[in-house]
């Protein structure tokens, strides 16, 4: 019984970590959309420099 609980905790932790990274990507995407166009061009240039 306790082993199942430990496995569940591991699974839950994995899901939380994964969803956190997905949320961060979503927030970055939203930031990118909400940025005015003149700033967007600068962002594209920054991507090119990478």
N, C-alpha and C. Protein backbone atom coordinates (compact mmCIF):
# COMPACT_ATOMS: atom_id res chain seq x y z
N UNK A 1 0.83 -1.21 0.00
CA UNK A 1 0.00 0.00 0.00
C UNK A 1 0.87 1.26 0.00
N UNK A 2 1.89 1.29 0.86
CA UNK A 2 2.75 2.47 0.94
C UNK A 2 3.56 2.63 -0.34
N UNK A 3 3.94 1.50 -0.97
CA UNK A 3 4.70 1.58 -2.23
C UNK A 3 3.88 2.27 -3.31
N UNK A 4 2.59 1.95 -3.35
CA UNK A 4 1.70 2.58 -4.33
C UNK A 4 1.64 4.08 -4.09
N UNK A 5 1.58 4.46 -2.82
CA UNK A 5 1.52 5.88 -2.47
C UNK A 5 2.79 6.61 -2.91
N UNK A 6 3.94 5.96 -2.69
CA UNK A 6 5.23 6.55 -3.09
C UNK A 6 5.28 6.71 -4.61
N UNK A 7 4.83 5.70 -5.33
CA UNK A 7 4.80 5.76 -6.79
C UNK A 7 3.88 6.89 -7.24
N UNK A 8 2.75 7.04 -6.56
CA UNK A 8 1.79 8.10 -6.89
C UNK A 8 2.42 9.47 -6.66
N UNK A 9 3.16 9.60 -5.56
CA UNK A 9 3.83 10.87 -5.26
C UNK A 9 4.86 11.19 -6.34
N UNK A 10 5.62 10.18 -6.76
CA UNK A 10 6.63 10.39 -7.82
C UNK A 10 5.95 10.84 -9.11
N UNK A 11 4.85 10.16 -9.44
CA UNK A 11 4.12 10.48 -10.66
C UNK A 11 3.58 11.91 -10.58
N UNK A 12 3.02 12.25 -9.43
CA UNK A 12 2.46 13.59 -9.23
C UNK A 12 3.54 14.65 -9.38
N UNK A 13 4.70 14.38 -8.80
CA UNK A 13 5.82 15.32 -8.88
C UNK A 13 6.26 15.51 -10.33
N UNK A 14 6.32 14.40 -11.07
CA UNK A 14 6.72 14.45 -12.47
C UNK A 14 5.73 15.29 -13.28
N UNK A 15 4.43 15.07 -13.02
CA UNK A 15 3.38 15.81 -13.73
C UNK A 15 3.49 17.30 -13.42
N UNK A 16 3.71 17.62 -12.15
CA UNK A 16 3.82 19.03 -11.73
C UNK A 16 5.00 19.69 -12.42
N UNK A 17 6.15 19.01 -12.44
CA UNK A 17 7.34 19.58 -13.07
C UNK A 17 7.11 19.79 -14.57
N UNK A 18 6.47 18.81 -15.20
CA UNK A 18 6.23 18.91 -16.64
C UNK A 18 5.26 20.05 -16.94
N UNK A 19 4.17 20.12 -16.17
CA UNK A 19 3.16 21.15 -16.41
C UNK A 19 3.73 22.54 -16.13
N UNK A 20 4.68 22.60 -15.18
CA UNK A 20 5.31 23.89 -14.88
C UNK A 20 6.07 24.40 -16.09
N UNK A 21 6.84 23.53 -16.74
CA UNK A 21 7.62 23.94 -17.91
C UNK A 21 6.68 24.32 -19.06
N UNK A 22 5.57 23.59 -19.17
CA UNK A 22 4.58 23.91 -20.21
C UNK A 22 3.98 25.28 -19.94
N UNK A 23 3.66 25.56 -18.67
CA UNK A 23 3.10 26.85 -18.30
C UNK A 23 4.09 27.98 -18.58
N UNK A 24 5.37 27.74 -18.30
CA UNK A 24 6.38 28.76 -18.56
C UNK A 24 6.46 29.07 -20.05
N UNK A 25 6.41 28.01 -20.88
CA UNK A 25 6.44 28.20 -22.33
C UNK A 25 5.22 28.99 -22.77
N UNK A 26 4.05 28.66 -22.18
CA UNK A 26 2.81 29.34 -22.52
C UNK A 26 2.90 30.82 -22.16
N UNK A 27 3.45 31.11 -20.99
CA UNK A 27 3.60 32.51 -20.56
C UNK A 27 4.54 33.27 -21.49
N UNK A 28 5.63 32.63 -21.89
CA UNK A 28 6.57 33.26 -22.82
C UNK A 28 5.87 33.55 -24.14
N UNK A 29 5.06 32.59 -24.60
CA UNK A 29 4.33 32.75 -25.85
C UNK A 29 3.34 33.91 -25.76
N UNK A 30 2.62 33.98 -24.61
CA UNK A 30 1.67 35.07 -24.39
C UNK A 30 2.39 36.41 -24.36
N UNK A 31 3.53 36.46 -23.65
CA UNK A 31 4.33 37.69 -23.61
C UNK A 31 4.69 38.11 -25.02
N UNK A 32 5.10 37.14 -25.83
CA UNK A 32 5.52 37.41 -27.20
C UNK A 32 4.36 37.99 -28.02
N UNK A 33 3.15 37.43 -27.82
CA UNK A 33 1.97 37.90 -28.56
C UNK A 33 1.59 39.31 -28.11
N UNK A 34 1.68 39.55 -26.80
CA UNK A 34 1.20 40.82 -26.24
C UNK A 34 2.16 41.98 -26.45
N UNK A 35 3.41 41.66 -26.85
CA UNK A 35 4.39 42.72 -27.09
C UNK A 35 4.01 43.51 -28.34
N UNK A 36 4.11 44.85 -28.27
CA UNK A 36 3.83 45.67 -29.47
C UNK A 36 4.76 45.30 -30.62
N UNK A 37 4.32 45.58 -31.84
CA UNK A 37 5.04 45.12 -33.04
C UNK A 37 6.47 45.64 -33.12
N UNK A 38 6.68 46.92 -32.75
CA UNK A 38 8.04 47.48 -32.90
C UNK A 38 9.02 46.76 -31.97
N UNK A 39 8.53 46.27 -30.83
CA UNK A 39 9.40 45.51 -29.92
C UNK A 39 9.58 44.09 -30.44
N UNK A 40 8.55 43.58 -31.12
CA UNK A 40 8.61 42.22 -31.66
C UNK A 40 9.78 42.07 -32.63
N UNK A 41 9.98 43.08 -33.47
CA UNK A 41 11.07 43.02 -34.45
C UNK A 41 12.40 42.87 -33.74
N UNK A 42 12.59 43.61 -32.65
CA UNK A 42 13.82 43.50 -31.87
C UNK A 42 13.98 42.08 -31.35
N UNK A 43 12.87 41.47 -30.92
CA UNK A 43 12.92 40.11 -30.39
C UNK A 43 13.38 39.15 -31.49
N UNK A 44 12.86 39.35 -32.70
CA UNK A 44 13.26 38.49 -33.82
C UNK A 44 14.77 38.63 -34.07
N UNK A 45 15.28 39.87 -34.00
CA UNK A 45 16.71 40.10 -34.20
C UNK A 45 17.50 39.39 -33.11
N UNK A 46 16.99 39.43 -31.88
CA UNK A 46 17.68 38.76 -30.78
C UNK A 46 17.74 37.26 -31.04
N UNK A 47 16.64 36.69 -31.55
CA UNK A 47 16.63 35.27 -31.87
C UNK A 47 17.69 34.96 -32.92
N UNK A 48 17.84 35.87 -33.90
CA UNK A 48 18.83 35.68 -34.95
C UNK A 48 20.24 35.69 -34.40
N UNK A 49 20.47 36.49 -33.36
CA UNK A 49 21.82 36.58 -32.77
C UNK A 49 22.19 35.31 -32.03
N UNK A 50 21.21 34.60 -31.51
CA UNK A 50 21.48 33.41 -30.71
C UNK A 50 22.23 32.34 -31.51
